[in-house]
Amino acid sequence: MILEASKIIDELEAKEIRDKEQKRVLIIDRDRIPRILASRSLKAGGFATMVTSPSEITQETVEKFDPDALVVEHLDTDAVFSRIRLANDARRKVPLIVYCDADHLQEAQGREEIASTRISALVPKSDIDEHLCRTVQNVLAQR
């Protein structure tokens, strides 16, 4: 029930009018708890977030939300990029941040790109609270 309430709050907040300067981060993960934790961490850092699963993501959602960064769970990257594509022009290139469980960290570190999209950063899920917000800030600062 708590998770359902959190999801409803997130959806309501996503519909609010946002400051044009606020950076938007799209979080895609099949597991609800990690994506909610990631969203909470990023919201605390001042980002606008949207959470979804790989089975629910559509190109239309990506275009409407117009994310400044994309956070995707390692195991979901192929499924996500079979359903969507990101802007490829240099002006609007969307950074890809991959996060994963510790047991998949080495496998994720071996990939430099996914579907012609360069991985900008890798974050262990165990470090969501401590490092995700800072990682997103650093990646966006380098653009």
C-alpha atoms as a PDB file:
ATOM      1  CA  MET A   1       0.000   0.000   0.000  1.00  0.00           C
ATOM      2  CA  ILE A   2       2.876   2.344   0.792  1.00  0.00           C
ATOM      3  CA  LEU A   3       4.422   1.686  -2.613  1.00  0.00           C
ATOM      4  CA  GLU A   4       1.107   2.270  -4.359  1.00  0.00           C
ATOM      5  CA  ALA A   5       0.715   5.568  -2.494  1.00  0.00           C
ATOM      6  CA  SER A   6       4.253   6.560  -3.497  1.00  0.00           C
ATOM      7  CA  LYS A   7       3.498   5.774  -7.128  1.00  0.00           C
ATOM      8  CA  ILE A   8       0.325   7.856  -7.069  1.00  0.00           C
ATOM      9  CA  ILE A   9       2.209  10.775  -5.488  1.00  0.00           C
ATOM     10  CA  ASP A  10       4.930  10.464  -8.148  1.00  0.00           C
ATOM     11  CA  GLU A  11       2.347  10.475 -10.935  1.00  0.00           C
ATOM     12  CA  LEU A  12       0.582  13.522  -9.509  1.00  0.00           C
ATOM     13  CA  GLU A  13       3.872  15.374  -9.129  1.00  0.00           C
ATOM     14  CA  ALA A  14       4.795  14.468 -12.716  1.00  0.00           C
ATOM     15  CA  LYS A  15       1.707  16.311 -13.937  1.00  0.00           C
ATOM     16  CA  GLU A  16       2.548  19.533 -12.099  1.00  0.00           C
ATOM     17  CA  ILE A  17       3.875  22.465 -14.073  1.00  0.00           C
ATOM     18  CA  ARG A  18       7.640  22.544 -13.723  1.00  0.00           C
ATOM     19  CA  ASP A  19      10.277  25.201 -13.906  1.00  0.00           C
ATOM     20  CA  LYS A  20      11.768  25.220 -17.420  1.00  0.00           C
ATOM     21  CA  GLU A  21      15.265  25.096 -15.907  1.00  0.00           C
ATOM     22  CA  GLN A  22      14.551  21.922 -13.915  1.00  0.00           C
ATOM     23  CA  LYS A  23      16.333  18.932 -15.436  1.00  0.00           C
ATOM     24  CA  ARG A  24      14.198  15.873 -16.211  1.00  0.00           C
ATOM     25  CA  VAL A  25      15.344  12.300 -15.618  1.00  0.00           C
ATOM     26  CA  LEU A  26      13.504   9.243 -16.954  1.00  0.00           C
ATOM     27  CA  ILE A  27      14.030   6.101 -14.834  1.00  0.00           C
ATOM     28  CA  ILE A  28      13.282   2.704 -16.368  1.00  0.00           C
ATOM     29  CA  ASP A  29      13.401  -0.471 -14.299  1.00  0.00           C
ATOM     30  CA  ARG A  30      11.203  -3.561 -14.141  1.00  0.00           C
ATOM     31  CA  ASP A  31      11.382  -3.555 -10.328  1.00  0.00           C
ATOM     32  CA  ARG A  32       9.180  -0.962  -8.687  1.00  0.00           C
ATOM     33  CA  ILE A  33      11.131  -0.465  -5.439  1.00  0.00           C
ATOM     34  CA  PRO A  34      14.513   0.447  -7.012  1.00  0.00           C
ATOM     35  CA  ARG A  35      12.916   2.857  -9.480  1.00  0.00           C
ATOM     36  CA  ILE A  36      10.971   4.578  -6.694  1.00  0.00           C
ATOM     37  CA  LEU A  37      14.147   4.839  -4.590  1.00  0.00           C
ATOM     38  CA  ALA A  38      16.031   6.269  -7.568  1.00  0.00           C
ATOM     39  CA  SER A  39      13.238   8.767  -8.175  1.00  0.00           C
ATOM     40  CA  ARG A  40      13.193   9.884  -4.548  1.00  0.00           C
ATOM     41  CA  SER A  41      16.964  10.364  -4.566  1.00  0.00           C
ATOM     42  CA  LEU A  42      16.853  12.473  -7.727  1.00  0.00           C
ATOM     43  CA  LYS A  43      13.860  14.523  -6.564  1.00  0.00           C
ATOM     44  CA  ALA A  44      15.763  15.348  -3.374  1.00  0.00           C
ATOM     45  CA  GLY A  45      18.502  16.706  -5.652  1.00  0.00           C
ATOM     46  CA  GLY A  46      16.066  18.979  -7.497  1.00  0.00           C
ATOM     47  CA  PHE A  47      15.387  16.875 -10.584  1.00  0.00           C
ATOM     48  CA  ALA A  48      11.971  16.193 -12.107  1.00  0.00           C
ATOM     49  CA  THR A  49      11.581  12.453 -12.575  1.00  0.00           C
ATOM     50  CA  MET A  50       9.341  10.002 -14.332  1.00  0.00           C
ATOM     51  CA  VAL A  51       9.443   6.278 -13.552  1.00  0.00           C
ATOM     52  CA  THR A  52       8.272   3.438 -15.737  1.00  0.00           C
ATOM     53  CA  SER A  53       9.007  -0.155 -16.651  1.00  0.00           C
ATOM     54  CA  PRO A  54      10.555  -1.489 -19.871  1.00  0.00           C
ATOM     55  CA  SER A  55       7.235  -3.012 -20.875  1.00  0.00           C
ATOM     56  CA  GLU A  56       5.389   0.309 -20.490  1.00  0.00           C
ATOM     57  CA  ILE A  57       7.880   2.684 -22.130  1.00  0.00           C
ATOM     58  CA  THR A  58       6.962   4.094 -25.526  1.00  0.00           C
ATOM     59  CA  GLN A  59       8.598   6.494 -27.925  1.00  0.00           C
ATOM     60  CA  GLU A  60       5.696   8.882 -27.346  1.00  0.00           C
ATOM     61  CA  THR A  61       6.384   8.902 -23.586  1.00  0.00           C
ATOM     62  CA  VAL A  62      10.043   9.720 -24.198  1.00  0.00           C
ATOM     63  CA  GLU A  63       9.182  12.531 -26.597  1.00  0.00           C
ATOM     64  CA  LYS A  64       6.536  14.046 -24.298  1.00  0.00           C
ATOM     65  CA  PHE A  65       8.676  13.882 -21.146  1.00  0.00           C
ATOM     66  CA  ASP A  66      11.761  15.009 -23.121  1.00  0.00           C
ATOM     67  CA  PRO A  67      14.333  13.765 -20.589  1.00  0.00           C
ATOM     68  CA  ASP A  68      17.698  15.415 -20.032  1.00  0.00           C
ATOM     69  CA  ALA A  69      19.052  12.048 -18.812  1.00  0.00           C
ATOM     70  CA  LEU A  70      17.960   8.433 -18.877  1.00  0.00           C
ATOM     71  CA  VAL A  71      18.582   5.976 -16.008  1.00  0.00           C
ATOM     72  CA  VAL A  72      18.063   2.343 -17.007  1.00  0.00           C
ATOM     73  CA  GLU A  73      18.543  -0.902 -15.103  1.00  0.00           C
ATOM     74  CA  HIS A  74      21.292  -2.966 -16.734  1.00  0.00           C
ATOM     75  CA  LEU A  75      19.109  -6.015 -17.400  1.00  0.00           C
ATOM     76  CA  ASP A  76      16.500  -3.854 -19.117  1.00  0.00           C
ATOM     77  CA  THR A  77      18.721  -1.924 -21.527  1.00  0.00           C
ATOM     78  CA  ASP A  78      18.176  -4.139 -24.564  1.00  0.00           C
ATOM     79  CA  ALA A  79      14.396  -4.290 -24.025  1.00  0.00           C
ATOM     80  CA  VAL A  80      14.232  -0.514 -23.593  1.00  0.00           C
ATOM     81  CA  PHE A  81      16.248   0.296 -26.699  1.00  0.00           C
ATOM     82  CA  SER A  82      14.220  -2.151 -28.793  1.00  0.00           C
ATOM     83  CA  ARG A  83      11.186   0.054 -27.985  1.00  0.00           C
ATOM     84  CA  ILE A  84      12.645   3.580 -28.037  1.00  0.00           C
ATOM     85  CA  ARG A  85      15.376   5.648 -29.614  1.00  0.00           C
ATOM     86  CA  LEU A  86      17.037   8.727 -28.227  1.00  0.00           C
ATOM     87  CA  ALA A  87      17.921  11.906 -30.056  1.00  0.00           C
ATOM     88  CA  ASN A  88      21.221  11.433 -31.845  1.00  0.00           C
ATOM     89  CA  ASP A  89      22.033  15.012 -32.761  1.00  0.00           C
ATOM     90  CA  ALA A  90      24.924  16.435 -30.731  1.00  0.00           C
ATOM     91  CA  ARG A  91      22.815  19.334 -29.423  1.00  0.00           C
ATOM     92  CA  ARG A  92      20.217  17.120 -27.808  1.00  0.00           C
ATOM     93  CA  LYS A  93      22.081  13.906 -27.051  1.00  0.00           C
ATOM     94  CA  VAL A  94      20.491  12.321 -23.969  1.00  0.00           C
ATOM     95  CA  PRO A  95      23.029  10.833 -21.543  1.00  0.00           C
ATOM     96  CA  LEU A  96      22.480   7.207 -20.560  1.00  0.00           C
ATOM     97  CA  ILE A  97      23.185   6.180 -16.979  1.00  0.00           C
ATOM     98  CA  VAL A  98      23.049   2.461 -16.280  1.00  0.00           C
ATOM     99  CA  TYR A  99      22.533   1.123 -12.789  1.00  0.00           C
ATOM    100  CA  CYS A 100      22.644  -2.486 -11.674  1.00  0.00           C
ATOM    101  CA  ASP A 101      22.909  -4.944  -8.819  1.00  0.00           C
ATOM    102  CA  ALA A 102      26.399  -5.787  -7.576  1.00  0.00           C
ATOM    103  CA  ASP A 103      26.309  -9.255  -9.183  1.00  0.00           C
ATOM    104  CA  HIS A 104      25.901  -7.673 -12.644  1.00  0.00           C
ATOM    105  CA  LEU A 105      28.371  -4.834 -12.156  1.00  0.00           C
ATOM    106  CA  GLN A 106      31.281  -6.480 -13.951  1.00  0.00           C
ATOM    107  CA  GLU A 107      29.093  -7.415 -16.937  1.00  0.00           C
ATOM    108  CA  ALA A 108      27.763  -3.859 -17.165  1.00  0.00           C
ATOM    109  CA  GLN A 109      31.263  -2.395 -16.976  1.00  0.00           C
ATOM    110  CA  GLY A 110      32.162  -4.400 -20.078  1.00  0.00           C
ATOM    111  CA  ARG A 111      29.668  -2.467 -22.234  1.00  0.00           C
ATOM    112  CA  GLU A 112      30.524   0.943 -23.615  1.00  0.00           C
ATOM    113  CA  GLU A 113      27.376   1.424 -25.707  1.00  0.00           C
ATOM    114  CA  ILE A 114      23.873   0.165 -26.059  1.00  0.00           C
ATOM    115  CA  ALA A 115      22.022   0.538 -29.356  1.00  0.00           C
ATOM    116  CA  SER A 116      24.507   3.166 -30.579  1.00  0.00           C
ATOM    117  CA  THR A 117      24.067   5.134 -27.359  1.00  0.00           C
ATOM    118  CA  ARG A 118      27.208   5.622 -25.309  1.00  0.00           C
ATOM    119  CA  ILE A 119      26.911   4.801 -21.609  1.00  0.00           C
ATOM    120  CA  SER A 120      27.748   8.014 -19.741  1.00  0.00           C
ATOM    121  CA  ALA A 121      27.991   6.481 -16.268  1.00  0.00           C
ATOM    122  CA  LEU A 122      27.468   3.300 -14.312  1.00  0.00           C
ATOM    123  CA  VAL A 123      26.039   3.242 -10.764  1.00  0.00           C
ATOM    124  CA  PRO A 124      25.611   0.217  -8.483  1.00  0.00           C
ATOM    125  CA  LYS A 125      22.030  -0.008  -7.171  1.00  0.00           C
ATOM    126  CA  SER A 126      23.407  -0.265  -3.649  1.00  0.00           C
ATOM    127  CA  ASP A 127      24.682   3.326  -4.078  1.00  0.00           C
ATOM    128  CA  ILE A 128      21.428   4.886  -5.315  1.00  0.00           C
ATOM    129  CA  ASP A 129      21.004   7.066  -2.230  1.00  0.00           C
ATOM    130  CA  GLU A 130      24.613   8.196  -2.120  1.00  0.00           C
ATOM    131  CA  HIS A 131      25.739   8.467  -5.721  1.00  0.00           C
ATOM    132  CA  LEU A 132      22.900   8.550  -8.252  1.00  0.00           C
ATOM    133  CA  CYS A 133      22.022  12.227  -7.849  1.00  0.00           C
ATOM    134  CA  ARG A 134      25.682  13.294  -7.919  1.00  0.00           C
ATOM    135  CA  THR A 135      26.342  11.072 -10.937  1.00  0.00           C
ATOM    136  CA  VAL A 136      23.432  12.607 -12.883  1.00  0.00           C
ATOM    137  CA  GLN A 137      24.620  16.107 -11.962  1.00  0.00           C
ATOM    138  CA  ASN A 138      28.161  15.321 -13.138  1.00  0.00           C
ATOM    139  CA  VAL A 139      26.985  13.752 -16.403  1.00  0.00           C
ATOM    140  CA  LEU A 140      24.738  16.721 -17.200  1.00  0.00           C
ATOM    141  CA  ALA A 141      27.511  19.179 -16.325  1.00  0.00           C
ATOM    142  CA  GLN A 142      29.780  17.527 -18.929  1.00  0.00           C
ATOM    143  CA  ARG A 143      27.270  18.069 -21.761  1.00  0.00           C
END
